[in-house]
Amino acid sequence: MLMLNNLISKQVIVGILAVFILSLSIILGWIFSQPAGTGKEPVVITIKAGTPAKVIAENLEGRNLIKSSLVFRVAAKIEGMDNSLQAGEYVISPNMSVRQILLMMSQGQTAYQQITIPEGYTVDQVAELLGEKKLANPDKFKSLAKKYAPYPYMQPNPNTKYSAEGFIFPDTYRLAKGISEEEILVMMVKQFDSKFTPEIRQRANDLGISLRDVIIMASLVEKEAKLSEERSIIAGVFANRIKLGMPLQSCATIQYILGYPKAELTINDTQIASPYNTYQIPGLPPGPIANPGIASIKAVLFADKTEYLYFVADKQGKHHFSKTYEDHLAAISQVQI
């Protein structure tokens, strides 16, 4: 009888515990799903890498985004997220629940996504990168870039492929979720204008070069130069050829026409009918062929004064410069060895 009573007692205790745990789970689940804060406006919270859940909880409580740091820590522990909260910037509303905040931080749903546009990227490449990052529709971005020219120096030649080509500044940008393609383009072109300082503009004016031509030339330098110390020399070569009325014969313009970087161009490639073909048409192309960085822009404005008219790159990307066509042919033979 005693053993039976003990068994019944244990079953009762187990039952009570089960009911208690179930009730506690329901209560906690309800608590975790209720609006967590007491503030009125969304707040941007920055979480640094390695910040423990305790510190995050205290920060949230201090900003009135949660009522209790203890509840937040308990929820993080129960949900198994206490060690998976990611660094980043988060926009948190007081109306969000503890569970929503935890999910946001554990999944890294940051307020901004960072993207870096490399120097020398074309509009097509920028659009493709934005698409890969799921920040924009590439086709829509390219469609907008065809006609976007808010500043006088951007006014395009009728043969220009993209009005915005050359004027999207290569930089690192923080893009808010939901930003439109037009807002991204405006941001990047505005950044270019801010970097196009009064000193740069004055230097171009002193040289008698239009701002647009500076960027066209800089885009050629950007695509041709592999080594930073060669930028101003290449710019000097282009300047010399323009003065003499020689075609620039830039391989980079042919690759722009093709739409992809071709390792070795053929004679047929250099005969493609296009206003961008600097093998066939003297002078600058109708527009930039890439988005140059400040280094290439300054290389054009402070080009080396040389007598070089030719250059060819070896297999390591280093250029060999020549004054005469005969020396140029010899240099070509040398780099092909």
C-alpha atoms as a PDB file:
ATOM      1  CA  MET A   1       0.000   0.000   0.000  1.00  0.00           C
ATOM      2  CA  LEU A   2       2.862   2.380   0.907  1.00  0.00           C
ATOM      3  CA  MET A   3       4.555   1.735  -2.436  1.00  0.00           C
ATOM      4  CA  LEU A   4       1.278   2.427  -4.249  1.00  0.00           C
ATOM      5  CA  ASN A   5       0.815   5.655  -2.337  1.00  0.00           C
ATOM      6  CA  ASN A   6       4.396   6.688  -3.184  1.00  0.00           C
ATOM      7  CA  LEU A   7       3.793   5.913  -6.871  1.00  0.00           C
ATOM      8  CA  ILE A   8       0.587   7.939  -6.903  1.00  0.00           C
ATOM      9  CA  SER A   9       2.375  10.801  -5.132  1.00  0.00           C
ATOM     10  CA  LYS A  10       5.147  10.805  -7.734  1.00  0.00           C
ATOM     11  CA  GLN A  11       2.635  10.771 -10.573  1.00  0.00           C
ATOM     12  CA  VAL A  12       0.802  13.687  -8.985  1.00  0.00           C
ATOM     13  CA  ILE A  13       4.058  15.605  -8.575  1.00  0.00           C
ATOM     14  CA  VAL A  14       5.057  14.878 -12.175  1.00  0.00           C
ATOM     15  CA  GLY A  15       1.641  15.986 -13.320  1.00  0.00           C
ATOM     16  CA  ILE A  16       1.840  19.181 -11.311  1.00  0.00           C
ATOM     17  CA  LEU A  17       5.324  19.884 -12.676  1.00  0.00           C
ATOM     18  CA  ALA A  18       4.136  19.260 -16.241  1.00  0.00           C
ATOM     19  CA  VAL A  19       1.211  21.623 -15.763  1.00  0.00           C
ATOM     20  CA  PHE A  20       3.531  24.188 -14.165  1.00  0.00           C
ATOM     21  CA  ILE A  21       6.071  23.942 -17.001  1.00  0.00           C
ATOM     22  CA  LEU A  22       3.336  24.140 -19.608  1.00  0.00           C
ATOM     23  CA  SER A  23       1.801  27.139 -17.882  1.00  0.00           C
ATOM     24  CA  LEU A  24       5.184  28.788 -17.528  1.00  0.00           C
ATOM     25  CA  SER A  25       5.902  28.181 -21.207  1.00  0.00           C
ATOM     26  CA  ILE A  26       2.571  29.717 -22.152  1.00  0.00           C
ATOM     27  CA  ILE A  27       3.154  32.704 -19.899  1.00  0.00           C
ATOM     28  CA  LEU A  28       6.719  33.224 -21.138  1.00  0.00           C
ATOM     29  CA  GLY A  29       5.611  32.759 -24.728  1.00  0.00           C
ATOM     30  CA  TRP A  30       2.984  35.425 -24.187  1.00  0.00           C
ATOM     31  CA  ILE A  31       5.497  37.743 -22.538  1.00  0.00           C
ATOM     32  CA  PHE A  32       8.055  37.201 -25.313  1.00  0.00           C
ATOM     33  CA  SER A  33       5.453  38.008 -27.987  1.00  0.00           C
ATOM     34  CA  GLN A  34       4.176  41.260 -26.434  1.00  0.00           C
ATOM     35  CA  PRO A  35       5.470  44.728 -27.362  1.00  0.00           C
ATOM     36  CA  ALA A  36       8.707  44.931 -25.421  1.00  0.00           C
ATOM     37  CA  GLY A  37       9.362  48.641 -25.066  1.00  0.00           C
ATOM     38  CA  THR A  38       7.935  51.762 -23.515  1.00  0.00           C
ATOM     39  CA  GLY A  39       9.331  54.326 -25.949  1.00  0.00           C
ATOM     40  CA  LYS A  40       7.475  55.921 -28.843  1.00  0.00           C
ATOM     41  CA  GLU A  41       9.967  56.114 -31.726  1.00  0.00           C
ATOM     42  CA  PRO A  42      12.167  53.531 -33.495  1.00  0.00           C
ATOM     43  CA  VAL A  43      15.793  53.680 -32.390  1.00  0.00           C
ATOM     44  CA  VAL A  44      19.000  52.728 -34.214  1.00  0.00           C
ATOM     45  CA  ILE A  45      21.066  50.396 -32.030  1.00  0.00           C
ATOM     46  CA  THR A  46      24.674  49.515 -32.846  1.00  0.00           C
ATOM     47  CA  ILE A  47      25.917  46.132 -31.653  1.00  0.00           C
ATOM     48  CA  LYS A  48      29.675  45.617 -31.780  1.00  0.00           C
ATOM     49  CA  ALA A  49      31.211  42.237 -32.493  1.00  0.00           C
ATOM     50  CA  GLY A  50      31.553  40.071 -29.364  1.00  0.00           C
ATOM     51  CA  THR A  51      29.060  42.022 -27.257  1.00  0.00           C
ATOM     52  CA  PRO A  52      27.469  39.599 -24.722  1.00  0.00           C
ATOM     53  CA  ALA A  53      23.688  39.216 -24.492  1.00  0.00           C
ATOM     54  CA  LYS A  54      23.731  40.783 -20.991  1.00  0.00           C
ATOM     55  CA  VAL A  55      25.227  44.044 -22.285  1.00  0.00           C
ATOM     56  CA  ILE A  56      22.877  44.077 -25.285  1.00  0.00           C
ATOM     57  CA  ALA A  57      19.900  43.594 -22.949  1.00  0.00           C
ATOM     58  CA  GLU A  58      21.010  46.421 -20.665  1.00  0.00           C
ATOM     59  CA  ASN A  59      21.506  48.700 -23.679  1.00  0.00           C
ATOM     60  CA  LEU A  60      18.014  47.924 -24.972  1.00  0.00           C
ATOM     61  CA  GLU A  61      16.464  48.521 -21.559  1.00  0.00           C
ATOM     62  CA  GLY A  62      18.327  51.802 -21.214  1.00  0.00           C
ATOM     63  CA  ARG A  63      16.853  52.978 -24.525  1.00  0.00           C
ATOM     64  CA  ASN A  64      13.317  51.959 -23.451  1.00  0.00           C
ATOM     65  CA  LEU A  65      13.147  49.327 -26.180  1.00  0.00           C
ATOM     66  CA  ILE A  66      12.496  46.542 -23.665  1.00  0.00           C
ATOM     67  CA  LYS A  67      10.976  46.689 -20.182  1.00  0.00           C
ATOM     68  CA  SER A  68      13.269  44.110 -18.590  1.00  0.00           C
ATOM     69  CA  SER A  69      16.813  43.092 -19.462  1.00  0.00           C
ATOM     70  CA  LEU A  70      16.252  39.927 -17.405  1.00  0.00           C
ATOM     71  CA  VAL A  71      13.293  38.872 -19.564  1.00  0.00           C
ATOM     72  CA  PHE A  72      15.386  39.490 -22.685  1.00  0.00           C
ATOM     73  CA  ARG A  73      18.252  37.339 -21.370  1.00  0.00           C
ATOM     74  CA  VAL A  74      15.897  34.551 -20.290  1.00  0.00           C
ATOM     75  CA  ALA A  75      14.238  34.613 -23.717  1.00  0.00           C
ATOM     76  CA  ALA A  76      17.628  34.528 -25.459  1.00  0.00           C
ATOM     77  CA  LYS A  77      18.622  31.517 -23.342  1.00  0.00           C
ATOM     78  CA  ILE A  78      15.365  29.623 -23.881  1.00  0.00           C
ATOM     79  CA  GLU A  79      15.358  30.346 -27.618  1.00  0.00           C
ATOM     80  CA  GLY A  80      19.021  29.296 -27.864  1.00  0.00           C
ATOM     81  CA  MET A  81      20.076  32.682 -29.237  1.00  0.00           C
ATOM     82  CA  ASP A  82      22.198  34.058 -26.397  1.00  0.00           C
ATOM     83  CA  ASN A  83      25.429  33.271 -28.269  1.00  0.00           C
ATOM     84  CA  SER A  84      24.223  34.007 -31.805  1.00  0.00           C
ATOM     85  CA  LEU A  85      23.380  37.719 -31.674  1.00  0.00           C
ATOM     86  CA  GLN A  86      25.213  39.384 -34.554  1.00  0.00           C
ATOM     87  CA  ALA A  87      27.023  42.692 -34.783  1.00  0.00           C
ATOM     88  CA  GLY A  88      25.514  45.489 -36.843  1.00  0.00           C
ATOM     89  CA  GLU A  89      23.130  48.427 -36.846  1.00  0.00           C
ATOM     90  CA  TYR A  90      19.491  47.632 -36.134  1.00  0.00           C
ATOM     91  CA  VAL A  91      16.379  49.787 -36.281  1.00  0.00           C
ATOM     92  CA  ILE A  92      14.255  48.638 -33.331  1.00  0.00           C
ATOM     93  CA  SER A  93      10.732  49.796 -32.622  1.00  0.00           C
ATOM     94  CA  PRO A  94       9.274  49.746 -29.080  1.00  0.00           C
ATOM     95  CA  ASN A  95       6.319  47.885 -30.605  1.00  0.00           C
ATOM     96  CA  MET A  96       8.518  44.918 -31.452  1.00  0.00           C
ATOM     97  CA  SER A  97       8.416  41.882 -29.185  1.00  0.00           C
ATOM     98  CA  VAL A  98      11.432  40.378 -27.454  1.00  0.00           C
ATOM     99  CA  ARG A  99      11.184  37.415 -29.803  1.00  0.00           C
ATOM    100  CA  GLN A 100      11.181  39.683 -32.880  1.00  0.00           C
ATOM    101  CA  ILE A 101      14.231  41.568 -31.624  1.00  0.00           C
ATOM    102  CA  LEU A 102      16.071  38.329 -30.938  1.00  0.00           C
ATOM    103  CA  LEU A 103      15.247  36.936 -34.378  1.00  0.00           C
ATOM    104  CA  MET A 104      16.377  40.174 -36.026  1.00  0.00           C
ATOM    105  CA  MET A 105      19.720  40.130 -34.217  1.00  0.00           C
ATOM    106  CA  SER A 106      20.357  36.401 -34.544  1.00  0.00           C
ATOM    107  CA  GLN A 107      19.693  36.540 -38.295  1.00  0.00           C
ATOM    108  CA  GLY A 108      21.697  39.727 -38.807  1.00  0.00           C
ATOM    109  CA  GLN A 109      18.758  41.672 -40.242  1.00  0.00           C
ATOM    110  CA  THR A 110      20.635  44.954 -40.005  1.00  0.00           C
ATOM    111  CA  ALA A 111      19.169  48.346 -40.819  1.00  0.00           C
ATOM    112  CA  TYR A 112      21.765  48.971 -43.477  1.00  0.00           C
ATOM    113  CA  GLN A 113      23.654  46.793 -45.895  1.00  0.00           C
ATOM    114  CA  GLN A 114      27.165  47.799 -46.814  1.00  0.00           C
ATOM    115  CA  ILE A 115      28.337  47.614 -50.406  1.00  0.00           C
ATOM    116  CA  THR A 116      31.655  48.622 -51.958  1.00  0.00           C
ATOM    117  CA  ILE A 117      31.845  49.798 -55.568  1.00  0.00           C
ATOM    118  CA  PRO A 118      35.408  49.114 -56.808  1.00  0.00           C
ATOM    119  CA  GLU A 119      37.298  51.674 -58.859  1.00  0.00           C
ATOM    120  CA  GLY A 120      36.919  51.040 -62.566  1.00  0.00           C
ATOM    121  CA  TYR A 121      33.519  49.349 -62.394  1.00  0.00           C
ATOM    122  CA  THR A 122      31.155  50.147 -65.247  1.00  0.00           C
ATOM    123  CA  VAL A 123      27.447  50.893 -64.845  1.00  0.00           C
ATOM    124  CA  ASP A 124      26.754  47.316 -65.971  1.00  0.00           C
ATOM    125  CA  GLN A 125      29.049  45.931 -63.272  1.00  0.00           C
ATOM    126  CA  VAL A 126      27.573  48.188 -60.590  1.00  0.00           C
ATOM    127  CA  ALA A 127      24.073  47.066 -61.562  1.00  0.00           C
ATOM    128  CA  GLU A 128      25.125  43.411 -61.479  1.00  0.00           C
ATOM    129  CA  LEU A 129      26.702  43.839 -58.027  1.00  0.00           C
ATOM    130  CA  LEU A 130      23.559  45.517 -56.670  1.00  0.00           C
ATOM    131  CA  GLY A 131      21.541  42.621 -58.050  1.00  0.00           C
ATOM    132  CA  GLU A 132      23.818  40.023 -56.454  1.00  0.00           C
ATOM    133  CA  LYS A 133      23.417  41.764 -53.092  1.00  0.00           C
ATOM    134  CA  LYS A 134      19.638  41.871 -53.662  1.00  0.00           C
ATOM    135  CA  LEU A 135      19.682  45.625 -53.215  1.00  0.00           C
ATOM    136  CA  ALA A 136      18.281  46.624 -56.586  1.00  0.00           C
ATOM    137  CA  ASN A 137      16.859  45.440 -59.868  1.00  0.00           C
ATOM    138  CA  PRO A 138      19.847  45.574 -62.274  1.00  0.00           C
ATOM    139  CA  ASP A 139      17.750  46.332 -65.355  1.00  0.00           C
ATOM    140  CA  LYS A 140      15.930  49.179 -63.629  1.00  0.00           C
ATOM    141  CA  PHE A 141      19.195  50.642 -62.334  1.00  0.00           C
ATOM    142  CA  LYS A 142      20.719  50.548 -65.845  1.00  0.00           C
ATOM    143  CA  SER A 143      17.592  52.076 -67.358  1.00  0.00           C
ATOM    144  CA  LEU A 144      17.813  55.000 -64.927  1.00  0.00           C
ATOM    145  CA  ALA A 145      21.570  55.397 -65.553  1.00  0.00           C
ATOM    146  CA  LYS A 146      20.973  55.886 -69.280  1.00  0.00           C
ATOM    147  CA  LYS A 147      19.437  59.313 -68.830  1.00  0.00           C
ATOM    148  CA  TYR A 148      20.470  60.453 -65.351  1.00  0.00           C
ATOM    149  CA  ALA A 149      22.603  63.606 -65.622  1.00  0.00           C
ATOM    150  CA  PRO A 150      21.758  66.110 -62.836  1.00  0.00           C
ATOM    151  CA  TYR A 151      24.928  68.198 -63.132  1.00  0.00           C
ATOM    152  CA  PRO A 152      25.936  70.348 -66.133  1.00  0.00           C
ATOM    153  CA  TYR A 153      29.274  68.564 -66.600  1.00  0.00           C
ATOM    154  CA  MET A 154      27.407  65.263 -67.030  1.00  0.00           C
ATOM    155  CA  GLN A 155      25.431  66.340 -70.098  1.00  0.00           C
ATOM    156  CA  PRO A 156      26.057  63.447 -72.481  1.00  0.00           C
ATOM    157  CA  ASN A 157      27.067  63.130 -76.088  1.00  0.00           C
ATOM    158  CA  PRO A 158      24.161  61.636 -78.108  1.00  0.00           C
ATOM    159  CA  ASN A 159      26.285  58.488 -78.609  1.00  0.00           C
ATOM    160  CA  THR A 160      26.891  57.939 -74.888  1.00  0.00           C
ATOM    161  CA  LYS A 161      25.768  54.533 -73.626  1.00  0.00           C
ATOM    162  CA  TYR A 162      24.990  55.723 -70.076  1.00  0.00           C
ATOM    163  CA  SER A 163      24.738  59.352 -68.992  1.00  0.00           C
ATOM    164  CA  ALA A 164      25.780  58.338 -65.451  1.00  0.00           C
ATOM    165  CA  GLU A 165      28.793  56.313 -66.614  1.00  0.00           C
ATOM    166  CA  GLY A 166      31.934  57.754 -65.041  1.00  0.00           C
ATOM    167  CA  PHE A 167      30.022  59.721 -62.420  1.00  0.00           C
ATOM    168  CA  ILE A 168      29.149  56.925 -59.990  1.00  0.00           C
ATOM    169  CA  PHE A 169      31.797  57.364 -57.335  1.00  0.00           C
ATOM    170  CA  PRO A 170      33.680  54.182 -56.340  1.00  0.00           C
ATOM    171  CA  ASP A 171      33.192  54.020 -52.584  1.00  0.00           C
ATOM    172  CA  THR A 172      31.646  52.053 -49.717  1.00  0.00           C
ATOM    173  CA  TYR A 173      27.965  52.824 -49.193  1.00  0.00           C
ATOM    174  CA  ARG A 174      25.484  51.980 -46.437  1.00  0.00           C
ATOM    175  CA  LEU A 175      22.129  51.322 -48.045  1.00  0.00           C
ATOM    176  CA  ALA A 176      18.941  51.175 -46.037  1.00  0.00           C
ATOM    177  CA  LYS A 177      16.589  48.275 -46.635  1.00  0.00           C
ATOM    178  CA  GLY A 178      13.935  49.116 -49.171  1.00  0.00           C
ATOM    179  CA  ILE A 179      15.946  51.892 -50.830  1.00  0.00           C
ATOM    180  CA  SER A 180      14.935  52.405 -54.469  1.00  0.00           C
ATOM    181  CA  GLU A 181      17.162  52.125 -57.536  1.00  0.00           C
ATOM    182  CA  GLU A 182      16.741  55.838 -58.162  1.00  0.00           C
ATOM    183  CA  GLU A 183      17.773  56.700 -54.600  1.00  0.00           C
ATOM    184  CA  ILE A 184      20.896  54.527 -54.929  1.00  0.00           C
ATOM    185  CA  LEU A 185      21.879  56.196 -58.201  1.00  0.00           C
ATOM    186  CA  VAL A 186      21.262  59.676 -56.783  1.00  0.00           C
ATOM    187  CA  MET A 187      23.376  58.832 -53.716  1.00  0.00           C
ATOM    188  CA  MET A 188      26.334  57.560 -55.747  1.00  0.00           C
ATOM    189  CA  VAL A 189      26.346  60.435 -58.236  1.00  0.00           C
ATOM    190  CA  LYS A 190      25.954  62.967 -55.436  1.00  0.00           C
ATOM    191  CA  GLN A 191      28.962  61.389 -53.744  1.00  0.00           C
ATOM    192  CA  PHE A 192      30.938  61.871 -56.939  1.00  0.00           C
ATOM    193  CA  ASP A 193      29.999  65.550 -57.075  1.00  0.00           C
ATOM    194  CA  SER A 194      31.098  66.028 -53.463  1.00  0.00           C
ATOM    195  CA  LYS A 195      34.480  64.443 -54.237  1.00  0.00           C
ATOM    196  CA  PHE A 196      34.886  66.603 -57.336  1.00  0.00           C
ATOM    197  CA  THR A 197      36.325  69.389 -55.187  1.00  0.00           C
ATOM    198  CA  PRO A 198      36.744  73.082 -56.084  1.00  0.00           C
ATOM    199  CA  GLU A 199      40.510  72.451 -56.319  1.00  0.00           C
ATOM    200  CA  ILE A 200      39.982  69.685 -58.886  1.00  0.00           C
ATOM    201  CA  ARG A 201      37.593  71.875 -60.881  1.00  0.00           C
ATOM    202  CA  GLN A 202      40.008  74.811 -60.788  1.00  0.00           C
ATOM    203  CA  ARG A 203      42.893  72.635 -61.980  1.00  0.00           C
ATOM    204  CA  ALA A 204      40.836  71.442 -64.945  1.00  0.00           C
ATOM    205  CA  ASN A 205      39.934  75.041 -65.737  1.00  0.00           C
ATOM    206  CA  ASP A 206      43.600  76.090 -65.556  1.00  0.00           C
ATOM    207  CA  LEU A 207      44.485  73.322 -68.031  1.00  0.00           C
ATOM    208  CA  GLY A 208      41.641  74.262 -70.352  1.00  0.00           C
ATOM    209  CA  ILE A 209      40.037  70.815 -70.074  1.00  0.00           C
ATOM    210  CA  SER A 210      36.306  70.380 -69.557  1.00  0.00           C
ATOM    211  CA  LEU A 211      35.275  68.468 -66.446  1.00  0.00           C
ATOM    212  CA  ARG A 212      33.572  65.874 -68.617  1.00  0.00           C
ATOM    213  CA  ASP A 213      36.730  65.291 -70.680  1.00  0.00           C
ATOM    214  CA  VAL A 214      38.730  64.929 -67.461  1.00  0.00           C
ATOM    215  CA  ILE A 215      36.466  62.066 -66.398  1.00  0.00           C
ATOM    216  CA  ILE A 216      36.500  60.433 -69.831  1.00  0.00           C
ATOM    217  CA  MET A 217      40.304  60.472 -69.825  1.00  0.00           C
ATOM    218  CA  ALA A 218      40.421  59.325 -66.200  1.00  0.00           C
ATOM    219  CA  SER A 219      38.206  56.347 -67.046  1.00  0.00           C
ATOM    220  CA  LEU A 220      40.695  55.285 -69.725  1.00  0.00           C
ATOM    221  CA  VAL A 221      43.573  55.620 -67.261  1.00  0.00           C
ATOM    222  CA  GLU A 222      41.606  53.653 -64.658  1.00  0.00           C
ATOM    223  CA  LYS A 223      41.088  50.728 -67.017  1.00  0.00           C
ATOM    224  CA  GLU A 224      44.574  50.737 -68.527  1.00  0.00           C
ATOM    225  CA  ALA A 225      46.743  51.233 -65.425  1.00  0.00           C
ATOM    226  CA  LYS A 226      47.526  48.162 -63.335  1.00  0.00           C
ATOM    227  CA  LEU A 227      50.126  49.874 -61.159  1.00  0.00           C
ATOM    228  CA  SER A 228      49.311  53.099 -59.350  1.00  0.00           C
ATOM    229  CA  GLU A 229      52.659  54.714 -60.197  1.00  0.00           C
ATOM    230  CA  GLU A 230      51.908  54.358 -63.914  1.00  0.00           C
ATOM    231  CA  ARG A 231      48.640  56.297 -63.925  1.00  0.00           C
ATOM    232  CA  SER A 232      50.140  59.735 -64.543  1.00  0.00           C
ATOM    233  CA  ILE A 233      52.497  58.368 -67.226  1.00  0.00           C
ATOM    234  CA  ILE A 234      49.615  56.743 -69.117  1.00  0.00           C
ATOM    235  CA  ALA A 235      47.645  59.971 -68.791  1.00  0.00           C
ATOM    236  CA  GLY A 236      50.647  61.784 -70.278  1.00  0.00           C
ATOM    237  CA  VAL A 237      50.753  59.379 -73.228  1.00  0.00           C
ATOM    238  CA  PHE A 238      47.067  59.963 -73.969  1.00  0.00           C
ATOM    239  CA  ALA A 239      47.568  63.743 -73.708  1.00  0.00           C
ATOM    240  CA  ASN A 240      50.497  63.573 -76.152  1.00  0.00           C
ATOM    241  CA  ARG A 241      48.500  61.555 -78.685  1.00  0.00           C
ATOM    242  CA  ILE A 242      45.545  63.947 -78.493  1.00  0.00           C
ATOM    243  CA  LYS A 243      47.848  66.932 -79.137  1.00  0.00           C
ATOM    244  CA  LEU A 244      49.254  65.218 -82.222  1.00  0.00           C
ATOM    245  CA  GLY A 245      45.835  64.163 -83.500  1.00  0.00           C
ATOM    246  CA  MET A 246      46.709  60.483 -83.141  1.00  0.00           C
ATOM    247  CA  PRO A 247      44.013  57.939 -82.276  1.00  0.00           C
ATOM    248  CA  LEU A 248      44.303  56.876 -78.645  1.00  0.00           C
ATOM    249  CA  GLN A 249      44.135  53.159 -79.559  1.00  0.00           C
ATOM    250  CA  SER A 250      43.033  52.187 -76.072  1.00  0.00           C
ATOM    251  CA  CYS A 251      42.268  48.480 -75.745  1.00  0.00           C
ATOM    252  CA  ALA A 252      40.005  49.349 -72.834  1.00  0.00           C
ATOM    253  CA  THR A 253      37.570  51.110 -75.173  1.00  0.00           C
ATOM    254  CA  ILE A 254      37.278  47.971 -77.311  1.00  0.00           C
ATOM    255  CA  GLN A 255      36.560  45.898 -74.220  1.00  0.00           C
ATOM    256  CA  TYR A 256      33.877  48.419 -73.265  1.00  0.00           C
ATOM    257  CA  ILE A 257      32.283  47.924 -76.669  1.00  0.00           C
ATOM    258  CA  LEU A 258      32.452  44.143 -76.280  1.00  0.00           C
ATOM    259  CA  GLY A 259      30.966  44.377 -72.784  1.00  0.00           C
ATOM    260  CA  TYR A 260      33.526  42.099 -71.160  1.00  0.00           C
ATOM    261  CA  PRO A 261      37.323  42.024 -70.564  1.00  0.00           C
ATOM    262  CA  LYS A 262      38.918  40.083 -73.404  1.00  0.00           C
ATOM    263  CA  ALA A 263      42.466  38.971 -72.656  1.00  0.00           C
ATOM    264  CA  GLU A 264      43.737  39.397 -76.220  1.00  0.00           C
ATOM    265  CA  LEU A 265      42.082  41.581 -78.811  1.00  0.00           C
ATOM    266  CA  THR A 266      42.131  40.694 -82.512  1.00  0.00           C
ATOM    267  CA  ILE A 267      42.448  42.942 -85.533  1.00  0.00           C
ATOM    268  CA  ASN A 268      38.746  42.365 -86.154  1.00  0.00           C
ATOM    269  CA  ASP A 269      37.966  43.618 -82.653  1.00  0.00           C
ATOM    270  CA  THR A 270      39.734  46.904 -83.355  1.00  0.00           C
ATOM    271  CA  GLN A 271      37.614  47.376 -86.493  1.00  0.00           C
ATOM    272  CA  ILE A 272      34.236  47.222 -84.739  1.00  0.00           C
ATOM    273  CA  ALA A 273      32.038  50.116 -85.844  1.00  0.00           C
ATOM    274  CA  SER A 274      31.386  52.129 -82.685  1.00  0.00           C
ATOM    275  CA  PRO A 275      31.822  55.735 -81.532  1.00  0.00           C
ATOM    276  CA  TYR A 276      33.773  54.251 -78.605  1.00  0.00           C
ATOM    277  CA  ASN A 277      36.362  52.662 -80.914  1.00  0.00           C
ATOM    278  CA  THR A 278      39.491  54.728 -80.278  1.00  0.00           C
ATOM    279  CA  TYR A 279      41.401  52.675 -82.847  1.00  0.00           C
ATOM    280  CA  GLN A 280      39.182  54.019 -85.609  1.00  0.00           C
ATOM    281  CA  ILE A 281      38.112  57.436 -84.304  1.00  0.00           C
ATOM    282  CA  PRO A 282      40.645  60.066 -83.125  1.00  0.00           C
ATOM    283  CA  GLY A 283      40.149  61.850 -79.831  1.00  0.00           C
ATOM    284  CA  LEU A 284      38.233  60.844 -76.756  1.00  0.00           C
ATOM    285  CA  PRO A 285      35.265  58.449 -76.845  1.00  0.00           C
ATOM    286  CA  PRO A 286      31.792  60.010 -76.455  1.00  0.00           C
ATOM    287  CA  GLY A 287      31.698  59.229 -72.741  1.00  0.00           C
ATOM    288  CA  PRO A 288      33.597  57.575 -69.885  1.00  0.00           C
ATOM    289  CA  ILE A 289      34.090  53.814 -70.144  1.00  0.00           C
ATOM    290  CA  ALA A 290      34.117  53.212 -66.377  1.00  0.00           C
ATOM    291  CA  ASN A 291      33.798  54.980 -63.050  1.00  0.00           C
ATOM    292  CA  PRO A 292      37.285  56.208 -62.114  1.00  0.00           C
ATOM    293  CA  GLY A 293      38.623  56.848 -58.639  1.00  0.00           C
ATOM    294  CA  ILE A 294      40.257  60.040 -57.408  1.00  0.00           C
ATOM    295  CA  ALA A 295      43.769  58.708 -58.160  1.00  0.00           C
ATOM    296  CA  SER A 296      43.017  58.385 -61.870  1.00  0.00           C
ATOM    297  CA  ILE A 297      41.301  61.790 -61.970  1.00  0.00           C
ATOM    298  CA  LYS A 298      44.343  63.409 -60.383  1.00  0.00           C
ATOM    299  CA  ALA A 299      46.631  61.496 -62.765  1.00  0.00           C
ATOM    300  CA  VAL A 300      44.910  63.249 -65.673  1.00  0.00           C
ATOM    301  CA  LEU A 301      45.088  66.654 -64.006  1.00  0.00           C
ATOM    302  CA  PHE A 302      48.755  66.184 -63.090  1.00  0.00           C
ATOM    303  CA  ALA A 303      49.918  64.022 -65.995  1.00  0.00           C
ATOM    304  CA  ASP A 304      53.620  63.368 -66.454  1.00  0.00           C
ATOM    305  CA  LYS A 305      55.313  65.503 -69.092  1.00  0.00           C
ATOM    306  CA  THR A 306      56.965  62.887 -71.286  1.00  0.00           C
ATOM    307  CA  GLU A 307      57.656  62.196 -74.951  1.00  0.00           C
ATOM    308  CA  TYR A 308      56.066  58.757 -74.786  1.00  0.00           C
ATOM    309  CA  LEU A 309      53.446  57.918 -77.391  1.00  0.00           C
ATOM    310  CA  TYR A 310      53.056  54.181 -76.867  1.00  0.00           C
ATOM    311  CA  PHE A 311      52.779  51.627 -74.073  1.00  0.00           C
ATOM    312  CA  VAL A 312      52.266  47.902 -73.776  1.00  0.00           C
ATOM    313  CA  ALA A 313      51.744  45.750 -70.691  1.00  0.00           C
ATOM    314  CA  ASP A 314      53.781  42.653 -69.871  1.00  0.00           C
ATOM    315  CA  LYS A 315      52.321  39.510 -68.305  1.00  0.00           C
ATOM    316  CA  GLN A 316      52.683  40.990 -64.805  1.00  0.00           C
ATOM    317  CA  GLY A 317      50.691  44.081 -65.756  1.00  0.00           C
ATOM    318  CA  LYS A 318      53.681  46.435 -65.821  1.00  0.00           C
ATOM    319  CA  HIS A 319      53.690  48.808 -68.786  1.00  0.00           C
ATOM    320  CA  HIS A 320      56.644  49.467 -71.081  1.00  0.00           C
ATOM    321  CA  PHE A 321      56.615  52.954 -72.614  1.00  0.00           C
ATOM    322  CA  SER A 322      58.097  54.005 -75.957  1.00  0.00           C
ATOM    323  CA  LYS A 323      58.664  57.220 -77.868  1.00  0.00           C
ATOM    324  CA  THR A 324      58.681  55.730 -81.373  1.00  0.00           C
ATOM    325  CA  TYR A 325      56.635  53.078 -83.139  1.00  0.00           C
ATOM    326  CA  GLU A 326      59.793  51.056 -83.823  1.00  0.00           C
ATOM    327  CA  ASP A 327      60.628  50.987 -80.097  1.00  0.00           C
ATOM    328  CA  HIS A 328      57.027  50.068 -79.386  1.00  0.00           C
ATOM    329  CA  LEU A 329      57.209  47.053 -81.711  1.00  0.00           C
ATOM    330  CA  ALA A 330      60.412  45.973 -79.977  1.00  0.00           C
ATOM    331  CA  ALA A 331      58.696  46.310 -76.593  1.00  0.00           C
ATOM    332  CA  ILE A 332      55.788  44.187 -77.803  1.00  0.00           C
ATOM    333  CA  SER A 333      58.207  41.469 -78.899  1.00  0.00           C
ATOM    334  CA  GLN A 334      59.938  41.655 -75.533  1.00  0.00           C
ATOM    335  CA  VAL A 335      56.794  41.283 -73.393  1.00  0.00           C
ATOM    336  CA  GLN A 336      55.606  38.338 -75.489  1.00  0.00           C
ATOM    337  CA  ILE A 337      58.672  36.278 -74.602  1.00  0.00           C
END
